[in-house]
C-alpha atoms as a PDB file:
ATOM      1  CA  MET A   1       8.361 -25.506  42.344  1.00  0.00           C
ATOM      2  CA  LYS A   2       7.758 -25.511  38.595  1.00  0.00           C
ATOM      3  CA  ARG A   3       9.904 -28.001  36.717  1.00  0.00           C
ATOM      4  CA  LEU A   4      10.959 -27.006  33.180  1.00  0.00           C
ATOM      5  CA  ARG A   5      12.070 -29.861  30.988  1.00  0.00           C
ATOM      6  CA  HIS A   6      14.370 -29.054  28.053  1.00  0.00           C
ATOM      7  CA  THR A   7      15.414 -32.088  26.045  1.00  0.00           C
ATOM      8  CA  THR A   8      17.901 -32.730  23.252  1.00  0.00           C
ATOM      9  CA  THR A   9      20.186 -35.537  22.085  1.00  0.00           C
ATOM     10  CA  VAL A  10      23.909 -35.438  22.685  1.00  0.00           C
ATOM     11  CA  CYS A  11      26.220 -38.419  22.135  1.00  0.00           C
ATOM     12  CA  LEU A  12      23.350 -40.909  22.195  1.00  0.00           C
ATOM     13  CA  MET A  13      21.822 -39.386  25.307  1.00  0.00           C
ATOM     14  CA  ALA A  14      19.258 -36.739  26.073  1.00  0.00           C
ATOM     15  CA  VAL A  15      19.602 -34.119  28.755  1.00  0.00           C
ATOM     16  CA  THR A  16      17.090 -32.125  30.722  1.00  0.00           C
ATOM     17  CA  LEU A  17      17.964 -28.774  32.274  1.00  0.00           C
ATOM     18  CA  LEU A  18      16.564 -28.227  35.752  1.00  0.00           C
ATOM     19  CA  THR A  19      17.032 -24.484  36.012  1.00  0.00           C
ATOM     20  CA  HIS A  20      16.164 -24.144  39.678  1.00  0.00           C
ATOM     21  CA  ALA A  21      18.436 -27.027  40.727  1.00  0.00           C
ATOM     22  CA  GLN A  22      21.508 -26.069  38.638  1.00  0.00           C
ATOM     23  CA  CYS A  23      21.781 -29.604  37.357  1.00  0.00           C
ATOM     24  CA  MET A  24      20.805 -31.575  34.290  1.00  0.00           C
ATOM     25  CA  ARG A  25      18.904 -34.806  33.959  1.00  0.00           C
ATOM     26  CA  VAL A  26      20.771 -37.102  31.575  1.00  0.00           C
ATOM     27  CA  HIS A  27      18.846 -39.808  29.715  1.00  0.00           C
ATOM     28  CA  TYR A  28      21.408 -42.459  28.754  1.00  0.00           C
ATOM     29  CA  ASP A  29      20.999 -44.697  25.748  1.00  0.00           C
ATOM     30  CA  ASP A  30      20.578 -47.716  28.050  1.00  0.00           C
ATOM     31  CA  GLY A  31      17.245 -46.184  29.021  1.00  0.00           C
ATOM     32  CA  TRP A  32      17.983 -44.868  32.506  1.00  0.00           C
ATOM     33  CA  THR A  33      18.158 -41.365  33.931  1.00  0.00           C
ATOM     34  CA  GLU A  34      20.392 -39.569  36.414  1.00  0.00           C
ATOM     35  CA  GLN A  35      21.422 -36.047  37.361  1.00  0.00           C
ATOM     36  CA  ILE A  36      24.707 -34.310  36.512  1.00  0.00           C
ATOM     37  CA  ALA A  37      25.779 -30.875  37.694  1.00  0.00           C
ATOM     38  CA  VAL A  38      25.503 -28.181  35.030  1.00  0.00           C
ATOM     39  CA  GLU A  39      29.184 -27.293  35.212  1.00  0.00           C
ATOM     40  CA  HIS A  40      30.106 -30.784  33.951  1.00  0.00           C
ATOM     41  CA  ILE A  41      28.196 -30.383  30.654  1.00  0.00           C
ATOM     42  CA  ASP A  42      29.119 -27.670  28.138  1.00  0.00           C
ATOM     43  CA  SER A  43      27.833 -26.267  24.834  1.00  0.00           C
ATOM     44  CA  ILE A  44      24.376 -27.848  24.681  1.00  0.00           C
ATOM     45  CA  THR A  45      21.413 -26.408  22.790  1.00  0.00           C
ATOM     46  CA  PHE A  46      17.992 -26.965  24.352  1.00  0.00           C
ATOM     47  CA  SER A  47      14.500 -27.053  22.927  1.00  0.00           C
ATOM     48  CA  PRO A  48      11.837 -26.389  25.563  1.00  0.00           C
ATOM     49  CA  ASN A  49       9.211 -28.978  26.485  1.00  0.00           C
ATOM     50  CA  GLU A  50       7.197 -27.979  29.530  1.00  0.00           C
ATOM     51  CA  GLN A  51       5.814 -31.200  30.944  1.00  0.00           C
ATOM     52  CA  HIS A  52       5.738 -31.863  34.662  1.00  0.00           C
ATOM     53  CA  LEU A  53       6.154 -35.615  34.497  1.00  0.00           C
ATOM     54  CA  ALA A  54       8.580 -38.207  35.808  1.00  0.00           C
ATOM     55  CA  PRO A  55      11.219 -39.130  33.216  1.00  0.00           C
ATOM     56  CA  THR A  56      10.832 -42.358  31.278  1.00  0.00           C
ATOM     57  CA  LEU A  57      13.193 -45.234  30.583  1.00  0.00           C
ATOM     58  CA  MET A  58      13.344 -47.623  27.659  1.00  0.00           C
ATOM     59  CA  LEU A  59      12.480 -51.240  28.427  1.00  0.00           C
ATOM     60  CA  ASN A  60      14.300 -54.122  26.784  1.00  0.00           C
ATOM     61  CA  ASN A  61      11.495 -54.459  24.217  1.00  0.00           C
ATOM     62  CA  GLY A  62      11.839 -50.836  23.101  1.00  0.00           C
ATOM     63  CA  LEU A  63       8.766 -49.509  24.929  1.00  0.00           C
ATOM     64  CA  GLN A  64       8.907 -46.624  27.399  1.00  0.00           C
ATOM     65  CA  MET A  65       7.997 -46.697  31.096  1.00  0.00           C
ATOM     66  CA  PRO A  66       8.164 -43.937  33.742  1.00  0.00           C
ATOM     67  CA  VAL A  67      10.938 -44.247  36.307  1.00  0.00           C
ATOM     68  CA  PHE A  68       8.524 -43.559  39.175  1.00  0.00           C
ATOM     69  CA  GLY A  69       4.947 -44.514  39.992  1.00  0.00           C
ATOM     70  CA  ILE A  70       2.256 -45.170  42.574  1.00  0.00           C
ATOM     71  CA  GLY A  71       1.423 -48.486  44.195  1.00  0.00           C
ATOM     72  CA  THR A  72      -2.164 -49.333  45.107  1.00  0.00           C
ATOM     73  CA  TYR A  73      -1.798 -52.160  47.605  1.00  0.00           C
ATOM     74  CA  SER A  74      -4.455 -51.776  50.365  1.00  0.00           C
ATOM     75  CA  LEU A  75      -6.301 -49.009  48.460  1.00  0.00           C
ATOM     76  CA  LYS A  76      -9.961 -49.915  47.949  1.00  0.00           C
ATOM     77  CA  GLY A  77     -13.069 -48.437  46.356  1.00  0.00           C
ATOM     78  CA  ASN A  78     -13.288 -44.669  46.046  1.00  0.00           C
ATOM     79  CA  THR A  79     -10.067 -44.285  48.048  1.00  0.00           C
ATOM     80  CA  CYS A  80      -8.235 -46.132  45.300  1.00  0.00           C
ATOM     81  CA  PHE A  81      -9.999 -44.203  42.533  1.00  0.00           C
ATOM     82  CA  ASN A  82      -9.225 -40.841  44.163  1.00  0.00           C
ATOM     83  CA  SER A  83      -5.588 -41.772  44.842  1.00  0.00           C
ATOM     84  CA  VAL A  84      -4.896 -42.875  41.273  1.00  0.00           C
ATOM     85  CA  TYR A  85      -6.746 -39.897  39.796  1.00  0.00           C
ATOM     86  CA  THR A  86      -4.821 -37.514  42.091  1.00  0.00           C
ATOM     87  CA  ALA A  87      -1.565 -39.190  41.120  1.00  0.00           C
ATOM     88  CA  LEU A  88      -2.301 -38.730  37.420  1.00  0.00           C
ATOM     89  CA  LYS A  89      -3.103 -35.049  38.052  1.00  0.00           C
ATOM     90  CA  ASN A  90       0.295 -34.725  39.764  1.00  0.00           C
ATOM     91  CA  GLY A  91       2.246 -36.119  36.820  1.00  0.00           C
ATOM     92  CA  TYR A  92       2.357 -39.821  37.646  1.00  0.00           C
ATOM     93  CA  ARG A  93       2.141 -42.046  34.607  1.00  0.00           C
ATOM     94  CA  LEU A  94       2.932 -45.430  36.210  1.00  0.00           C
ATOM     95  CA  ILE A  95       0.352 -47.323  38.283  1.00  0.00           C
ATOM     96  CA  ASP A  96       0.786 -50.701  39.949  1.00  0.00           C
ATOM     97  CA  THR A  97      -2.124 -52.991  40.848  1.00  0.00           C
ATOM     98  CA  ALA A  98      -2.803 -56.741  41.044  1.00  0.00           C
ATOM     99  CA  TYR A  99      -5.557 -59.316  41.197  1.00  0.00           C
ATOM    100  CA  MET A 100      -4.798 -59.755  44.903  1.00  0.00           C
ATOM    101  CA  TYR A 101      -5.295 -56.038  45.594  1.00  0.00           C
ATOM    102  CA  GLY A 102      -8.947 -56.225  44.568  1.00  0.00           C
ATOM    103  CA  ASN A 103      -8.902 -52.763  43.001  1.00  0.00           C
ATOM    104  CA  GLU A 104      -8.267 -53.204  39.277  1.00  0.00           C
ATOM    105  CA  GLU A 105     -11.697 -51.832  38.395  1.00  0.00           C
ATOM    106  CA  GLU A 106     -11.062 -48.636  40.380  1.00  0.00           C
ATOM    107  CA  VAL A 107      -7.615 -48.224  38.818  1.00  0.00           C
ATOM    108  CA  GLY A 108      -9.068 -48.610  35.343  1.00  0.00           C
ATOM    109  CA  ARG A 109     -11.911 -46.204  36.107  1.00  0.00           C
ATOM    110  CA  ALA A 110      -9.446 -43.572  37.343  1.00  0.00           C
ATOM    111  CA  VAL A 111      -7.337 -43.896  34.196  1.00  0.00           C
ATOM    112  CA  ARG A 112     -10.396 -43.606  31.950  1.00  0.00           C
ATOM    113  CA  GLN A 113     -11.625 -40.555  33.865  1.00  0.00           C
ATOM    114  CA  ALA A 114      -8.233 -38.852  33.694  1.00  0.00           C
ATOM    115  CA  VAL A 115      -8.087 -39.461  29.942  1.00  0.00           C
ATOM    116  CA  ALA A 116     -11.640 -38.138  29.512  1.00  0.00           C
ATOM    117  CA  ASP A 117     -10.748 -35.032  31.545  1.00  0.00           C
ATOM    118  CA  GLY A 118      -7.686 -34.317  29.388  1.00  0.00           C
ATOM    119  CA  ILE A 119      -5.193 -34.959  32.190  1.00  0.00           C
ATOM    120  CA  CYS A 120      -3.310 -37.599  30.238  1.00  0.00           C
ATOM    121  CA  ARG A 121      -3.430 -39.767  27.158  1.00  0.00           C
ATOM    122  CA  ARG A 122      -3.981 -43.482  27.565  1.00  0.00           C
ATOM    123  CA  GLU A 123      -0.819 -44.254  25.614  1.00  0.00           C
ATOM    124  CA  ASP A 124       1.272 -42.255  28.088  1.00  0.00           C
ATOM    125  CA  VAL A 125       0.124 -44.259  31.125  1.00  0.00           C
ATOM    126  CA  THR A 126       1.754 -47.550  32.124  1.00  0.00           C
ATOM    127  CA  VAL A 127      -0.524 -49.839  34.134  1.00  0.00           C
ATOM    128  CA  ILE A 128       0.913 -52.949  35.771  1.00  0.00           C
ATOM    129  CA  THR A 129      -1.165 -55.815  37.121  1.00  0.00           C
ATOM    130  CA  LYS A 130      -0.432 -59.372  38.258  1.00  0.00           C
ATOM    131  CA  ILE A 131      -1.824 -62.870  38.346  1.00  0.00           C
ATOM    132  CA  TYR A 132      -1.396 -65.004  41.458  1.00  0.00           C
ATOM    133  CA  PRO A 133      -0.034 -68.537  42.055  1.00  0.00           C
ATOM    134  CA  GLY A 134      -2.464 -71.401  42.549  1.00  0.00           C
ATOM    135  CA  SER A 135      -5.550 -71.681  40.395  1.00  0.00           C
ATOM    136  CA  GLN A 136      -4.569 -68.686  38.256  1.00  0.00           C
ATOM    137  CA  PHE A 137      -1.233 -70.273  37.313  1.00  0.00           C
ATOM    138  CA  ALA A 138      -2.854 -73.678  36.759  1.00  0.00           C
ATOM    139  CA  ASN A 139      -5.552 -72.227  34.479  1.00  0.00           C
ATOM    140  CA  PRO A 140      -4.038 -68.926  33.389  1.00  0.00           C
ATOM    141  CA  GLU A 141      -6.041 -67.836  30.331  1.00  0.00           C
ATOM    142  CA  PRO A 142      -9.269 -66.929  32.172  1.00  0.00           C
ATOM    143  CA  ALA A 143      -7.287 -65.148  34.899  1.00  0.00           C
ATOM    144  CA  ILE A 144      -5.355 -63.118  32.339  1.00  0.00           C
ATOM    145  CA  GLN A 145      -8.501 -62.174  30.443  1.00  0.00           C
ATOM    146  CA  GLU A 146     -10.201 -61.162  33.701  1.00  0.00           C
ATOM    147  CA  ARG A 147      -7.369 -58.714  34.456  1.00  0.00           C
ATOM    148  CA  ILE A 148      -7.833 -57.134  31.029  1.00  0.00           C
ATOM    149  CA  ASP A 149     -11.600 -56.965  31.453  1.00  0.00           C
ATOM    150  CA  LYS A 150     -11.525 -55.525  34.979  1.00  0.00           C
ATOM    151  CA  LEU A 151      -9.097 -52.757  34.047  1.00  0.00           C
ATOM    152  CA  ASP A 152     -11.080 -51.998  30.870  1.00  0.00           C
ATOM    153  CA  ILE A 153      -8.443 -49.683  29.423  1.00  0.00           C
ATOM    154  CA  GLY A 154      -7.986 -51.427  26.084  1.00  0.00           C
ATOM    155  CA  TYR A 155      -4.836 -53.362  26.914  1.00  0.00           C
ATOM    156  CA  VAL A 156      -2.547 -54.080  29.860  1.00  0.00           C
ATOM    157  CA  ASP A 157       0.841 -52.393  29.652  1.00  0.00           C
ATOM    158  CA  ILE A 158       2.719 -54.888  31.833  1.00  0.00           C
ATOM    159  CA  MET A 159       1.430 -58.101  33.396  1.00  0.00           C
ATOM    160  CA  LEU A 160       3.467 -59.885  36.061  1.00  0.00           C
ATOM    161  CA  LEU A 161       3.552 -63.204  37.820  1.00  0.00           C
ATOM    162  CA  HIS A 162       2.972 -62.153  41.444  1.00  0.00           C
ATOM    163  CA  HIS A 163       5.650 -64.540  42.710  1.00  0.00           C
ATOM    164  CA  PRO A 164       7.133 -67.948  41.815  1.00  0.00           C
ATOM    165  CA  GLY A 165       4.964 -71.010  42.167  1.00  0.00           C
ATOM    166  CA  ALA A 166       3.859 -74.242  40.555  1.00  0.00           C
ATOM    167  CA  ASP A 167       3.061 -73.734  36.873  1.00  0.00           C
ATOM    168  CA  ASP A 168       4.730 -70.299  36.782  1.00  0.00           C
ATOM    169  CA  VAL A 169       6.326 -71.063  33.384  1.00  0.00           C
ATOM    170  CA  LYS A 170       2.966 -72.306  32.078  1.00  0.00           C
ATOM    171  CA  ALA A 171       1.269 -69.104  33.257  1.00  0.00           C
ATOM    172  CA  TYR A 172       3.978 -66.903  31.766  1.00  0.00           C
ATOM    173  CA  LYS A 173       3.747 -68.642  28.395  1.00  0.00           C
ATOM    174  CA  ALA A 174       0.002 -68.034  28.450  1.00  0.00           C
ATOM    175  CA  MET A 175       0.734 -64.320  29.006  1.00  0.00           C
ATOM    176  CA  GLU A 176       3.092 -64.480  26.025  1.00  0.00           C
ATOM    177  CA  ARG A 177       0.168 -65.541  23.846  1.00  0.00           C
ATOM    178  CA  PHE A 178      -1.783 -62.480  24.989  1.00  0.00           C
ATOM    179  CA  VAL A 179       1.210 -60.330  23.976  1.00  0.00           C
ATOM    180  CA  GLU A 180       0.972 -61.865  20.508  1.00  0.00           C
ATOM    181  CA  LYS A 181      -2.717 -60.844  20.422  1.00  0.00           C
ATOM    182  CA  GLY A 182      -1.851 -57.249  21.350  1.00  0.00           C
ATOM    183  CA  LEU A 183      -3.796 -57.381  24.626  1.00  0.00           C
ATOM    184  CA  ILE A 184      -0.649 -57.126  26.784  1.00  0.00           C
ATOM    185  CA  ARG A 185       2.324 -54.942  25.826  1.00  0.00           C
ATOM    186  CA  SER A 186       5.078 -56.268  28.133  1.00  0.00           C
ATOM    187  CA  LEU A 187       5.652 -59.003  30.697  1.00  0.00           C
ATOM    188  CA  GLY A 188       7.399 -59.147  34.051  1.00  0.00           C
ATOM    189  CA  ILE A 189       7.789 -61.123  37.248  1.00  0.00           C
ATOM    190  CA  SER A 190       7.814 -60.367  40.946  1.00  0.00           C
ATOM    191  CA  CYS A 191       9.667 -61.825  43.922  1.00  0.00           C
ATOM    192  CA  PHE A 192      12.207 -63.594  41.715  1.00  0.00           C
ATOM    193  CA  TYR A 193      15.805 -63.696  42.907  1.00  0.00           C
ATOM    194  CA  ILE A 194      18.980 -65.057  41.310  1.00  0.00           C
ATOM    195  CA  ASP A 195      18.265 -68.792  41.637  1.00  0.00           C
ATOM    196  CA  GLU A 196      14.663 -68.347  40.520  1.00  0.00           C
ATOM    197  CA  LEU A 197      15.738 -66.233  37.541  1.00  0.00           C
ATOM    198  CA  LYS A 198      18.364 -68.746  36.447  1.00  0.00           C
ATOM    199  CA  ARG A 199      15.696 -71.444  36.478  1.00  0.00           C
ATOM    200  CA  PHE A 200      12.978 -69.392  34.857  1.00  0.00           C
ATOM    201  CA  LEU A 201      14.527 -67.249  32.121  1.00  0.00           C
ATOM    202  CA  PRO A 202      15.779 -70.091  29.857  1.00  0.00           C
ATOM    203  CA  GLN A 203      12.252 -71.555  29.763  1.00  0.00           C
ATOM    204  CA  VAL A 204      10.380 -68.535  28.380  1.00  0.00           C
ATOM    205  CA  ASN A 205      10.362 -66.861  24.982  1.00  0.00           C
ATOM    206  CA  ILE A 206       9.743 -63.207  25.889  1.00  0.00           C
ATOM    207  CA  LYS A 207      12.255 -61.706  28.281  1.00  0.00           C
ATOM    208  CA  PRO A 208      10.634 -59.983  31.263  1.00  0.00           C
ATOM    209  CA  VAL A 209      10.978 -56.214  31.085  1.00  0.00           C
ATOM    210  CA  LEU A 210      11.060 -55.854  34.874  1.00  0.00           C
ATOM    211  CA  VAL A 211      11.392 -57.719  38.142  1.00  0.00           C
ATOM    212  CA  GLN A 212       9.478 -56.296  41.088  1.00  0.00           C
ATOM    213  CA  ASN A 213      11.077 -57.138  44.460  1.00  0.00           C
ATOM    214  CA  GLU A 214      11.187 -55.887  48.023  1.00  0.00           C
ATOM    215  CA  ILE A 215      13.900 -53.216  48.231  1.00  0.00           C
ATOM    216  CA  HIS A 216      14.455 -50.441  50.773  1.00  0.00           C
ATOM    217  CA  PRO A 217      17.427 -49.012  52.713  1.00  0.00           C
ATOM    218  CA  TYR A 218      17.273 -51.798  55.303  1.00  0.00           C
ATOM    219  CA  TYR A 219      17.032 -54.483  52.583  1.00  0.00           C
ATOM    220  CA  GLN A 220      19.080 -53.274  49.630  1.00  0.00           C
ATOM    221  CA  ASP A 221      19.658 -56.678  47.994  1.00  0.00           C
ATOM    222  CA  THR A 222      22.498 -55.245  45.933  1.00  0.00           C
ATOM    223  CA  GLU A 223      23.701 -58.563  44.503  1.00  0.00           C
ATOM    224  CA  VAL A 224      20.228 -59.350  43.157  1.00  0.00           C
ATOM    225  CA  VAL A 225      19.694 -55.808  41.841  1.00  0.00           C
ATOM    226  CA  ASP A 226      23.018 -55.954  40.009  1.00  0.00           C
ATOM    227  CA  TYR A 227      22.240 -59.391  38.563  1.00  0.00           C
ATOM    228  CA  ILE A 228      18.835 -58.297  37.274  1.00  0.00           C
ATOM    229  CA  HIS A 229      20.372 -55.193  35.706  1.00  0.00           C
ATOM    230  CA  SER A 230      23.037 -57.389  34.072  1.00  0.00           C
ATOM    231  CA  GLN A 231      20.219 -59.251  32.303  1.00  0.00           C
ATOM    232  CA  GLY A 232      18.891 -56.028  30.778  1.00  0.00           C
ATOM    233  CA  ILE A 233      15.853 -56.073  33.049  1.00  0.00           C
ATOM    234  CA  VAL A 234      14.493 -53.143  35.069  1.00  0.00           C
ATOM    235  CA  VAL A 235      14.284 -53.478  38.846  1.00  0.00           C
ATOM    236  CA  GLN A 236      11.168 -52.138  40.554  1.00  0.00           C
ATOM    237  CA  ALA A 237      10.826 -51.799  44.328  1.00  0.00           C
ATOM    238  CA  TRP A 238       7.747 -52.767  46.256  1.00  0.00           C
ATOM    239  CA  TYR A 239       8.004 -51.756  49.900  1.00  0.00           C
ATOM    240  CA  PRO A 240      10.299 -48.895  48.771  1.00  0.00           C
ATOM    241  CA  LEU A 241       9.787 -47.245  52.183  1.00  0.00           C
ATOM    242  CA  GLY A 242      10.028 -50.441  54.226  1.00  0.00           C
ATOM    243  CA  GLY A 243       7.413 -53.048  54.951  1.00  0.00           C
ATOM    244  CA  ARG A 244       4.182 -53.086  56.906  1.00  0.00           C
ATOM    245  CA  GLY A 245       4.909 -52.806  60.609  1.00  0.00           C
ATOM    246  CA  HIS A 246       8.518 -51.806  59.974  1.00  0.00           C
ATOM    247  CA  GLN A 247       8.231 -48.298  58.495  1.00  0.00           C
ATOM    248  CA  SER A 248       8.384 -46.366  61.753  1.00  0.00           C
ATOM    249  CA  GLU A 249      12.064 -47.064  62.439  1.00  0.00           C
ATOM    250  CA  LEU A 250      13.132 -46.450  58.853  1.00  0.00           C
ATOM    251  CA  LEU A 251      11.179 -43.205  58.592  1.00  0.00           C
ATOM    252  CA  ASN A 252      12.871 -41.949  61.756  1.00  0.00           C
ATOM    253  CA  ASP A 253      16.386 -43.027  60.835  1.00  0.00           C
ATOM    254  CA  PRO A 254      18.824 -40.271  61.930  1.00  0.00           C
ATOM    255  CA  VAL A 255      21.145 -40.767  58.950  1.00  0.00           C
ATOM    256  CA  LEU A 256      18.303 -40.307  56.490  1.00  0.00           C
ATOM    257  CA  GLN A 257      16.982 -37.342  58.447  1.00  0.00           C
ATOM    258  CA  ARG A 258      20.392 -35.649  58.379  1.00  0.00           C
ATOM    259  CA  ILE A 259      20.552 -36.054  54.605  1.00  0.00           C
ATOM    260  CA  ALA A 260      16.992 -34.776  54.223  1.00  0.00           C
ATOM    261  CA  ASP A 261      17.771 -31.689  56.291  1.00  0.00           C
ATOM    262  CA  ALA A 262      20.831 -30.971  54.142  1.00  0.00           C
ATOM    263  CA  HIS A 263      18.672 -30.873  50.995  1.00  0.00           C
ATOM    264  CA  GLY A 264      15.575 -29.244  52.449  1.00  0.00           C
ATOM    265  CA  LYS A 265      13.625 -32.368  51.556  1.00  0.00           C
ATOM    266  CA  SER A 266      11.592 -34.893  53.520  1.00  0.00           C
ATOM    267  CA  LEU A 267      13.097 -38.152  54.675  1.00  0.00           C
ATOM    268  CA  VAL A 268      10.721 -40.024  52.373  1.00  0.00           C
ATOM    269  CA  GLN A 269      11.917 -37.989  49.396  1.00  0.00           C
ATOM    270  CA  VAL A 270      15.513 -38.912  50.249  1.00  0.00           C
ATOM    271  CA  ILE A 271      14.642 -42.629  50.219  1.00  0.00           C
ATOM    272  CA  LEU A 272      12.826 -42.296  46.911  1.00  0.00           C
ATOM    273  CA  ARG A 273      15.711 -40.311  45.417  1.00  0.00           C
ATOM    274  CA  TRP A 274      18.108 -43.025  46.653  1.00  0.00           C
ATOM    275  CA  HIS A 275      16.117 -45.631  44.722  1.00  0.00           C
ATOM    276  CA  GLN A 276      16.261 -43.417  41.622  1.00  0.00           C
ATOM    277  CA  GLN A 277      20.032 -43.068  41.783  1.00  0.00           C
ATOM    278  CA  ARG A 278      20.380 -46.857  42.163  1.00  0.00           C
ATOM    279  CA  ARG A 279      18.362 -47.240  38.937  1.00  0.00           C
ATOM    280  CA  VAL A 280      15.480 -48.800  40.839  1.00  0.00           C
ATOM    281  CA  VAL A 281      11.895 -47.785  39.999  1.00  0.00           C
ATOM    282  CA  ALA A 282       9.957 -47.012  43.186  1.00  0.00           C
ATOM    283  CA  ILE A 283       6.162 -47.304  43.455  1.00  0.00           C
ATOM    284  CA  PRO A 284       5.198 -45.933  46.887  1.00  0.00           C
ATOM    285  CA  GLY A 285       1.520 -46.077  47.732  1.00  0.00           C
ATOM    286  CA  SER A 286      -0.504 -43.339  49.391  1.00  0.00           C
ATOM    287  CA  SER A 287      -4.073 -42.107  49.727  1.00  0.00           C
ATOM    288  CA  ASN A 288      -2.955 -38.720  51.051  1.00  0.00           C
ATOM    289  CA  PRO A 289      -2.973 -36.070  48.271  1.00  0.00           C
ATOM    290  CA  ALA A 290      -0.158 -34.108  49.917  1.00  0.00           C
ATOM    291  CA  HIS A 291       2.021 -37.211  50.164  1.00  0.00           C
ATOM    292  CA  ILE A 292       1.222 -38.184  46.560  1.00  0.00           C
ATOM    293  CA  ALA A 293       2.406 -34.764  45.392  1.00  0.00           C
ATOM    294  CA  GLU A 294       5.465 -34.819  47.648  1.00  0.00           C
ATOM    295  CA  ASN A 295       6.584 -38.308  46.647  1.00  0.00           C
ATOM    296  CA  ILE A 296       7.069 -37.465  42.974  1.00  0.00           C
ATOM    297  CA  ASP A 297       8.944 -34.236  43.753  1.00  0.00           C
ATOM    298  CA  ILE A 298      12.360 -35.920  43.744  1.00  0.00           C
ATOM    299  CA  PHE A 299      13.823 -34.782  40.434  1.00  0.00           C
ATOM    300  CA  ASP A 300      15.243 -31.435  41.536  1.00  0.00           C
ATOM    301  CA  PHE A 301      18.039 -32.596  43.829  1.00  0.00           C
ATOM    302  CA  VAL A 302      20.902 -35.091  43.794  1.00  0.00           C
ATOM    303  CA  LEU A 303      22.361 -37.190  46.585  1.00  0.00           C
ATOM    304  CA  THR A 304      26.142 -36.958  46.753  1.00  0.00           C
ATOM    305  CA  ASP A 305      28.401 -40.001  46.527  1.00  0.00           C
ATOM    306  CA  GLU A 306      29.026 -39.662  50.249  1.00  0.00           C
ATOM    307  CA  GLU A 307      25.303 -39.583  51.005  1.00  0.00           C
ATOM    308  CA  MET A 308      24.706 -42.624  48.814  1.00  0.00           C
ATOM    309  CA  ALA A 309      27.481 -44.420  50.708  1.00  0.00           C
ATOM    310  CA  ASP A 310      25.932 -43.431  54.038  1.00  0.00           C
ATOM    311  CA  ILE A 311      22.608 -44.935  52.957  1.00  0.00           C
ATOM    312  CA  ALA A 312      24.338 -48.053  51.640  1.00  0.00           C
ATOM    313  CA  ALA A 313      25.786 -48.521  55.115  1.00  0.00           C
ATOM    314  CA  LEU A 314      22.253 -48.740  56.551  1.00  0.00           C
ATOM    315  CA  ASN A 315      21.677 -52.118  54.874  1.00  0.00           C
ATOM    316  CA  ARG A 316      20.714 -54.835  57.381  1.00  0.00           C
ATOM    317  CA  ASN A 317      19.555 -57.513  54.930  1.00  0.00           C
ATOM    318  CA  GLU A 318      16.319 -57.092  56.868  1.00  0.00           C
ATOM    319  CA  LYS A 319      13.490 -58.478  54.733  1.00  0.00           C
ATOM    320  CA  HIS A 320      10.037 -57.316  55.775  1.00  0.00           C
ATOM    321  CA  ASP A 321       7.967 -59.918  53.940  1.00  0.00           C
ATOM    322  CA  TRP A 322       8.302 -63.648  53.280  1.00  0.00           C
ATOM    323  CA  TYR A 323       8.606 -63.670  49.502  1.00  0.00           C
END
């Protein structure tokens, strides 16, 4: 279906009319987005803006980032290039990679090709990469520069620490110096929970714009999500559809299937919409063009309060990875 975006500002928020869904997307002044039924908003004038993109949110440093993206873990070579290029053609503007994924060059090449082909502008794409504990934390400057060089897209939008480790503060402060040089726009961290954040945040100068953690319906981690939000930091979900070796049960969950059937959507789309309504940025990975297109098609329906409660009840505190 064709999505028409009509945006204006009302009471410090912007709204988007989704004509085929009879609801409006509301962009709040805290940077997030959600849907409200048309009948609850009156007397609004719209100016049309036909772009078929995921909405954006404002980070705590004033920069914008899409609320939905594609992850590239396990994607290699031309498979990675084709997946990222296909995602950009389908309206994605957020791409997640890392040193450990071994595909930064392919991600960068896909972004450059999409820009050259007129699919997107470089400044509209947010690329995330990460440096890894061990030698990269101990000697961070060469590792940081290598990420910039491998991507070869002018600058890195967001660079993360892949997870806590020895010298993580040292590595982060080195990334701060690259922000000062204009080679990195924003900083973040991954696999940090409440205790780690309480230790880490007072020691750094630039507040992370996001924390990337494992989150899915079987591991909702609500206390941590709420704490991160309370710090003015965006939460991003890796494993948004469950972890390796654990997806089969989640993707056949009868509660999720019932909700999907009620909306005429896939079960995966219901999970991704659930993340959206929790104010969690999901970055599902895929090399299947049909799945890439389907995954981003989650902005034309709304889960009810009852459906959100039903999904909340699925939580098992079942973590699918060690960090």
